[in-house]
Amino acid sequence: MPLYDLVCSCGHTKEQVLKLDEKEPVCDKCGQQMKKAMSAPAFILAGKHWARDGYGLHDKKKEKNNVNEK
């Protein structure tokens, strides 16, 4: 289930896990319907050959060596 940022027109915000077909909850402070807000996605690149191993930098190293040879 995704984690949503919820915002109310009174300015109250909170994060909550909601099912995809579940309605947005009412605000704890004023009782109005809250709305889902955009938030930054969160994911982790796990496993071999990512940032730890310099994945994606191999082409840059080759380009750097080619520049030095000229």
PDB file of N, CA and C in Angstrom:
ATOM      1  N   MET A   1       0.847  -1.180   0.000  1.00  0.00           N
ATOM      2  CA  MET A   1       0.000   0.000   0.000  1.00  0.00           C
ATOM      3  C   MET A   1       0.889   1.238   0.000  1.00  0.00           C
ATOM      4  N   PRO A   2       0.560   2.232  -0.803  1.00  0.00           N
ATOM      5  CA  PRO A   2       1.379   3.432  -0.894  1.00  0.00           C
ATOM      6  C   PRO A   2       1.186   4.378   0.289  1.00  0.00           C
ATOM      7  N   LEU A   3       2.225   5.134   0.566  1.00  0.00           N
ATOM      8  CA  LEU A   3       2.198   6.168   1.590  1.00  0.00           C
ATOM      9  C   LEU A   3       1.865   7.488   0.910  1.00  0.00           C
ATOM     10  N   TYR A   4       0.827   8.160   1.391  1.00  0.00           N
ATOM     11  CA  TYR A   4       0.386   9.416   0.790  1.00  0.00           C
ATOM     12  C   TYR A   4       0.606  10.581   1.741  1.00  0.00           C
ATOM     13  N   ASP A   5       0.923  11.762   1.170  1.00  0.00           N
ATOM     14  CA  ASP A   5       0.885  13.008   1.900  1.00  0.00           C
ATOM     15  C   ASP A   5      -0.530  13.538   1.738  1.00  0.00           C
ATOM     16  N   LEU A   6      -1.173  13.856   2.851  1.00  0.00           N
ATOM     17  CA  LEU A   6      -2.536  14.374   2.823  1.00  0.00           C
ATOM     18  C   LEU A   6      -2.538  15.808   3.328  1.00  0.00           C
ATOM     19  N   VAL A   7      -3.304  16.676   2.642  1.00  0.00           N
ATOM     20  CA  VAL A   7      -3.363  18.092   2.978  1.00  0.00           C
ATOM     21  C   VAL A   7      -4.813  18.512   3.119  1.00  0.00           C
ATOM     22  N   CYS A   8      -5.074  19.328   4.128  1.00  0.00           N
ATOM     23  CA  CYS A   8      -6.418  19.864   4.347  1.00  0.00           C
ATOM     24  C   CYS A   8      -6.430  21.347   4.006  1.00  0.00           C
ATOM     25  N   SER A   9      -7.592  21.885   3.705  1.00  0.00           N
ATOM     26  CA  SER A   9      -7.706  23.312   3.387  1.00  0.00           C
ATOM     27  C   SER A   9      -7.396  24.191   4.602  1.00  0.00           C
ATOM     28  N   CYS A  10      -7.457  23.624   5.814  1.00  0.00           N
ATOM     29  CA  CYS A  10      -7.108  24.396   7.018  1.00  0.00           C
ATOM     30  C   CYS A  10      -5.599  24.479   7.216  1.00  0.00           C
ATOM     31  N   GLY A  11      -4.817  23.733   6.400  1.00  0.00           N
ATOM     32  CA  GLY A  11      -3.366  23.778   6.487  1.00  0.00           C
ATOM     33  C   GLY A  11      -2.750  22.579   7.188  1.00  0.00           C
ATOM     34  N   HIS A  12      -3.561  21.731   7.775  1.00  0.00           N
ATOM     35  CA  HIS A  12      -3.059  20.536   8.461  1.00  0.00           C
ATOM     36  C   HIS A  12      -2.587  19.519   7.429  1.00  0.00           C
ATOM     37  N   THR A  13      -1.413  18.918   7.677  1.00  0.00           N
ATOM     38  CA  THR A  13      -0.886  17.886   6.780  1.00  0.00           C
ATOM     39  C   THR A  13      -0.509  16.651   7.592  1.00  0.00           C
ATOM     40  N   LYS A  14      -0.526  15.505   6.921  1.00  0.00           N
ATOM     41  CA  LYS A  14      -0.081  14.264   7.553  1.00  0.00           C
ATOM     42  C   LYS A  14       0.231  13.245   6.477  1.00  0.00           C
ATOM     43  N   GLU A  15       0.965  12.209   6.864  1.00  0.00           N
ATOM     44  CA  GLU A  15       1.246  11.090   5.985  1.00  0.00           C
ATOM     45  C   GLU A  15       0.450   9.897   6.465  1.00  0.00           C
ATOM     46  N   GLN A  16      -0.072   9.116   5.508  1.00  0.00           N
ATOM     47  CA  GLN A  16      -0.862   7.961   5.887  1.00  0.00           C
ATOM     48  C   GLN A  16      -0.800   6.916   4.786  1.00  0.00           C
ATOM     49  N   VAL A  17      -0.776   5.664   5.178  1.00  0.00           N
ATOM     50  CA  VAL A  17      -0.833   4.563   4.230  1.00  0.00           C
ATOM     51  C   VAL A  17      -2.294   4.330   3.874  1.00  0.00           C
ATOM     52  N   LEU A  18      -2.589   4.370   2.572  1.00  0.00           N
ATOM     53  CA  LEU A  18      -3.964   4.162   2.092  1.00  0.00           C
ATOM     54  C   LEU A  18      -3.967   3.114   0.993  1.00  0.00           C
ATOM     55  N   LYS A  19      -5.026   2.332   0.930  1.00  0.00           N
ATOM     56  CA  LYS A  19      -5.224   1.429  -0.200  1.00  0.00           C
ATOM     57  C   LYS A  19      -5.543   2.277  -1.429  1.00  0.00           C
ATOM     58  N   LEU A  20      -5.314   1.727  -2.598  1.00  0.00           N
ATOM     59  CA  LEU A  20      -5.552   2.487  -3.818  1.00  0.00           C
ATOM     60  C   LEU A  20      -7.006   2.895  -3.983  1.00  0.00           C
ATOM     61  N   ASP A  21      -7.943   2.058  -3.558  1.00  0.00           N
ATOM     62  CA  ASP A  21      -9.362   2.366  -3.724  1.00  0.00           C
ATOM     63  C   ASP A  21      -9.987   2.991  -2.469  1.00  0.00           C
ATOM     64  N   GLU A  22      -9.181   3.294  -1.461  1.00  0.00           N
ATOM     65  CA  GLU A  22      -9.689   3.863  -0.211  1.00  0.00           C
ATOM     66  C   GLU A  22      -9.844   5.383  -0.338  1.00  0.00           C
ATOM     67  N   LYS A  23     -10.930   5.920   0.231  1.00  0.00           N
ATOM     68  CA  LYS A  23     -11.172   7.365   0.204  1.00  0.00           C
ATOM     69  C   LYS A  23     -10.214   8.076   1.145  1.00  0.00           C
ATOM     70  N   GLU A  24      -9.942   9.341   0.845  1.00  0.00           N
ATOM     71  CA  GLU A  24      -9.098  10.146   1.714  1.00  0.00           C
ATOM     72  C   GLU A  24      -9.806  10.365   3.049  1.00  0.00           C
ATOM     73  N   PRO A  25      -9.071  10.405   4.154  1.00  0.00           N
ATOM     74  CA  PRO A  25      -9.696  10.575   5.463  1.00  0.00           C
ATOM     75  C   PRO A  25     -10.115  12.027   5.704  1.00  0.00           C
ATOM     76  N   VAL A  26     -10.857  12.224   6.776  1.00  0.00           N
ATOM     77  CA  VAL A  26     -11.226  13.586   7.181  1.00  0.00           C
ATOM     78  C   VAL A  26     -10.127  14.129   8.091  1.00  0.00           C
ATOM     79  N   CYS A  27     -10.004  15.440   8.131  1.00  0.00           N
ATOM     80  CA  CYS A  27      -8.982  16.121   8.924  1.00  0.00           C
ATOM     81  C   CYS A  27      -9.254  15.931  10.415  1.00  0.00           C
ATOM     82  N   ASP A  28      -8.187  15.674  11.173  1.00  0.00           N
ATOM     83  CA  ASP A  28      -8.315  15.507  12.622  1.00  0.00           C
ATOM     84  C   ASP A  28      -8.652  16.820  13.323  1.00  0.00           C
ATOM     85  N   LYS A  29      -8.278  17.943  12.712  1.00  0.00           N
ATOM     86  CA  LYS A  29      -8.468  19.247  13.363  1.00  0.00           C
ATOM     87  C   LYS A  29      -9.805  19.909  13.031  1.00  0.00           C
ATOM     88  N   CYS A  30     -10.203  19.879  11.736  1.00  0.00           N
ATOM     89  CA  CYS A  30     -11.418  20.616  11.364  1.00  0.00           C
ATOM     90  C   CYS A  30     -12.549  19.722  10.854  1.00  0.00           C
ATOM     91  N   GLY A  31     -12.272  18.463  10.522  1.00  0.00           N
ATOM     92  CA  GLY A  31     -13.314  17.558  10.073  1.00  0.00           C
ATOM     93  C   GLY A  31     -13.615  17.601   8.589  1.00  0.00           C
ATOM     94  N   GLN A  32     -12.882  18.406   7.809  1.00  0.00           N
ATOM     95  CA  GLN A  32     -13.095  18.462   6.361  1.00  0.00           C
ATOM     96  C   GLN A  32     -12.364  17.313   5.674  1.00  0.00           C
ATOM     97  N   GLN A  33     -12.780  17.018   4.441  1.00  0.00           N
ATOM     98  CA  GLN A  33     -12.148  15.969   3.643  1.00  0.00           C
ATOM     99  C   GLN A  33     -10.736  16.412   3.251  1.00  0.00           C
ATOM    100  N   MET A  34      -9.735  15.562   3.458  1.00  0.00           N
ATOM    101  CA  MET A  34      -8.362  15.865   3.071  1.00  0.00           C
ATOM    102  C   MET A  34      -8.139  15.434   1.628  1.00  0.00           C
ATOM    103  N   LYS A  35      -7.087  15.967   0.992  1.00  0.00           N
ATOM    104  CA  LYS A  35      -6.759  15.629  -0.393  1.00  0.00           C
ATOM    105  C   LYS A  35      -5.336  15.097  -0.458  1.00  0.00           C
ATOM    106  N   LYS A  36      -5.113  14.176  -1.407  1.00  0.00           N
ATOM    107  CA  LYS A  36      -3.770  13.641  -1.632  1.00  0.00           C
ATOM    108  C   LYS A  36      -2.917  14.719  -2.295  1.00  0.00           C
ATOM    109  N   ALA A  37      -1.671  14.826  -1.848  1.00  0.00           N
ATOM    110  CA  ALA A  37      -0.749  15.806  -2.410  1.00  0.00           C
ATOM    111  C   ALA A  37       0.412  15.081  -3.081  1.00  0.00           C
ATOM    112  N   MET A  38       1.061  15.753  -4.015  1.00  0.00           N
ATOM    113  CA  MET A  38       2.234  15.193  -4.677  1.00  0.00           C
ATOM    114  C   MET A  38       3.391  15.163  -3.698  1.00  0.00           C
ATOM    115  N   SER A  39       4.156  14.105  -3.750  1.00  0.00           N
ATOM    116  CA  SER A  39       5.351  14.009  -2.919  1.00  0.00           C
ATOM    117  C   SER A  39       6.452  13.341  -3.724  1.00  0.00           C
ATOM    118  N   ALA A  40       7.659  13.470  -3.240  1.00  0.00           N
ATOM    119  CA  ALA A  40       8.798  12.880  -3.933  1.00  0.00           C
ATOM    120  C   ALA A  40       8.757  11.366  -3.796  1.00  0.00           C
ATOM    121  N   PRO A  41       9.011  10.658  -4.879  1.00  0.00           N
ATOM    122  CA  PRO A  41       9.036   9.203  -4.766  1.00  0.00           C
ATOM    123  C   PRO A  41      10.257   8.753  -3.988  1.00  0.00           C
ATOM    124  N   ALA A  42      10.119   7.659  -3.311  1.00  0.00           N
ATOM    125  CA  ALA A  42      11.225   7.107  -2.534  1.00  0.00           C
ATOM    126  C   ALA A  42      11.482   5.680  -2.975  1.00  0.00           C
ATOM    127  N   PHE A  43      12.682   5.430  -3.477  1.00  0.00           N
ATOM    128  CA  PHE A  43      13.063   4.077  -3.829  1.00  0.00           C
ATOM    129  C   PHE A  43      14.566   3.958  -3.652  1.00  0.00           C
ATOM    130  N   ILE A  44      15.023   2.746  -3.506  1.00  0.00           N
ATOM    131  CA  ILE A  44      16.433   2.495  -3.270  1.00  0.00           C
ATOM    132  C   ILE A  44      16.946   1.552  -4.352  1.00  0.00           C
ATOM    133  N   LEU A  45      18.069   1.905  -4.938  1.00  0.00           N
ATOM    134  CA  LEU A  45      18.704   1.042  -5.912  1.00  0.00           C
ATOM    135  C   LEU A  45      19.597   0.087  -5.133  1.00  0.00           C
ATOM    136  N   ALA A  46      19.176  -1.149  -5.021  1.00  0.00           N
ATOM    137  CA  ALA A  46      19.901  -2.117  -4.214  1.00  0.00           C
ATOM    138  C   ALA A  46      20.563  -3.154  -5.105  1.00  0.00           C
ATOM    139  N   GLY A  47      21.559  -3.790  -4.573  1.00  0.00           N
ATOM    140  CA  GLY A  47      22.232  -4.848  -5.296  1.00  0.00           C
ATOM    141  C   GLY A  47      23.568  -4.401  -5.854  1.00  0.00           C
ATOM    142  N   LYS A  48      24.200  -5.282  -6.596  1.00  0.00           N
ATOM    143  CA  LYS A  48      25.508  -4.990  -7.177  1.00  0.00           C
ATOM    144  C   LYS A  48      25.400  -3.981  -8.308  1.00  0.00           C
ATOM    145  N   HIS A  49      26.500  -3.338  -8.602  1.00  0.00           N
ATOM    146  CA  HIS A  49      26.690  -2.498  -9.785  1.00  0.00           C
ATOM    147  C   HIS A  49      25.842  -1.233  -9.791  1.00  0.00           C
ATOM    148  N   TRP A  50      25.633  -0.623  -8.664  1.00  0.00           N
ATOM    149  CA  TRP A  50      24.967   0.676  -8.648  1.00  0.00           C
ATOM    150  C   TRP A  50      25.976   1.712  -8.209  1.00  0.00           C
ATOM    151  N   ALA A  51      25.591   2.680  -7.472  1.00  0.00           N
ATOM    152  CA  ALA A  51      26.451   3.815  -7.127  1.00  0.00           C
ATOM    153  C   ALA A  51      27.730   3.377  -6.419  1.00  0.00           C
ATOM    154  N   ARG A  52      27.653   2.385  -5.586  1.00  0.00           N
ATOM    155  CA  ARG A  52      28.830   1.948  -4.843  1.00  0.00           C
ATOM    156  C   ARG A  52      29.930   1.484  -5.784  1.00  0.00           C
ATOM    157  N   ASP A  53      29.551   0.836  -6.872  1.00  0.00           N
ATOM    158  CA  ASP A  53      30.520   0.292  -7.808  1.00  0.00           C
ATOM    159  C   ASP A  53      30.838   1.243  -8.962  1.00  0.00           C
ATOM    160  N   GLY A  54      30.304   2.462  -8.927  1.00  0.00           N
ATOM    161  CA  GLY A  54      30.569   3.420  -9.993  1.00  0.00           C
ATOM    162  C   GLY A  54      29.770   3.163 -11.245  1.00  0.00           C
ATOM    163  N   TYR A  55      28.614   2.527 -11.124  1.00  0.00           N
ATOM    164  CA  TYR A  55      27.778   2.229 -12.279  1.00  0.00           C
ATOM    165  C   TYR A  55      27.426   3.521 -13.006  1.00  0.00           C
ATOM    166  N   GLY A  56      27.584   3.557 -14.279  1.00  0.00           N
ATOM    167  CA  GLY A  56      27.280   4.736 -15.065  1.00  0.00           C
ATOM    168  C   GLY A  56      28.477   5.649 -15.252  1.00  0.00           C
ATOM    169  N   LEU A  57      29.550   5.415 -14.526  1.00  0.00           N
ATOM    170  CA  LEU A  57      30.735   6.252 -14.642  1.00  0.00           C
ATOM    171  C   LEU A  57      31.750   5.673 -15.615  1.00  0.00           C
ATOM    172  N   HIS A  58      31.559   4.455 -16.072  1.00  0.00           N
ATOM    173  CA  HIS A  58      32.521   3.804 -16.947  1.00  0.00           C
ATOM    174  C   HIS A  58      32.700   4.572 -18.251  1.00  0.00           C
ATOM    175  N   ASP A  59      31.635   5.070 -18.847  1.00  0.00           N
ATOM    176  CA  ASP A  59      31.731   5.829 -20.095  1.00  0.00           C
ATOM    177  C   ASP A  59      32.462   7.151 -19.866  1.00  0.00           C
ATOM    178  N   LYS A  60      32.242   7.768 -18.727  1.00  0.00           N
ATOM    179  CA  LYS A  60      32.904   9.040 -18.426  1.00  0.00           C
ATOM    180  C   LYS A  60      34.405   8.840 -18.269  1.00  0.00           C
ATOM    181  N   LYS A  61      34.813   7.714 -17.675  1.00  0.00           N
ATOM    182  CA  LYS A  61      36.238   7.430 -17.531  1.00  0.00           C
ATOM    183  C   LYS A  61      36.874   7.237 -18.904  1.00  0.00           C
ATOM    184  N   LYS A  62      36.180   6.549 -19.806  1.00  0.00           N
ATOM    185  CA  LYS A  62      36.703   6.343 -21.156  1.00  0.00           C
ATOM    186  C   LYS A  62      36.832   7.673 -21.882  1.00  0.00           C
ATOM    187  N   GLU A  63      35.831   8.543 -21.761  1.00  0.00           N
ATOM    188  CA  GLU A  63      35.868   9.851 -22.411  1.00  0.00           C
ATOM    189  C   GLU A  63      37.032  10.669 -21.861  1.00  0.00           C
ATOM    190  N   LYS A  64      37.246  10.617 -20.566  1.00  0.00           N
ATOM    191  CA  LYS A  64      38.323  11.368 -19.927  1.00  0.00           C
ATOM    192  C   LYS A  64      39.671  10.893 -20.444  1.00  0.00           C
ATOM    193  N   ASN A  65      39.849   9.574 -20.581  1.00  0.00           N
ATOM    194  CA  ASN A  65      41.097   9.040 -21.104  1.00  0.00           C
ATOM    195  C   ASN A  65      41.316   9.428 -22.570  1.00  0.00           C
ATOM    196  N   ASN A  66      40.244   9.449 -23.364  1.00  0.00           N
ATOM    197  CA  ASN A  66      40.355   9.839 -24.763  1.00  0.00           C
ATOM    198  C   ASN A  66      40.763  11.297 -24.898  1.00  0.00           C
ATOM    199  N   VAL A  67      40.300  12.156 -24.034  1.00  0.00           N
ATOM    200  CA  VAL A  67      40.647  13.579 -24.074  1.00  0.00           C
ATOM    201  C   VAL A  67      42.125  13.756 -23.739  1.00  0.00           C
ATOM    202  N   ASN A  68      42.616  12.994 -22.749  1.00  0.00           N
ATOM    203  CA  ASN A  68      44.010  13.107 -22.339  1.00  0.00           C
ATOM    204  C   ASN A  68      44.972  12.596 -23.421  1.00  0.00           C
ATOM    205  N   GLU A  69      44.539  11.650 -24.247  1.00  0.00           N
ATOM    206  CA  GLU A  69      45.394  11.086 -25.285  1.00  0.00           C
ATOM    207  C   GLU A  69      45.579  12.042 -26.453  1.00  0.00           C
ATOM    208  N   LYS A  70      44.642  12.934 -26.674  1.00  0.00           N
ATOM    209  CA  LYS A  70      44.706  13.833 -27.841  1.00  0.00           C
ATOM    210  C   LYS A  70      45.683  14.943 -27.648  1.00  0.00           C
TER     211      LYS A  70
END
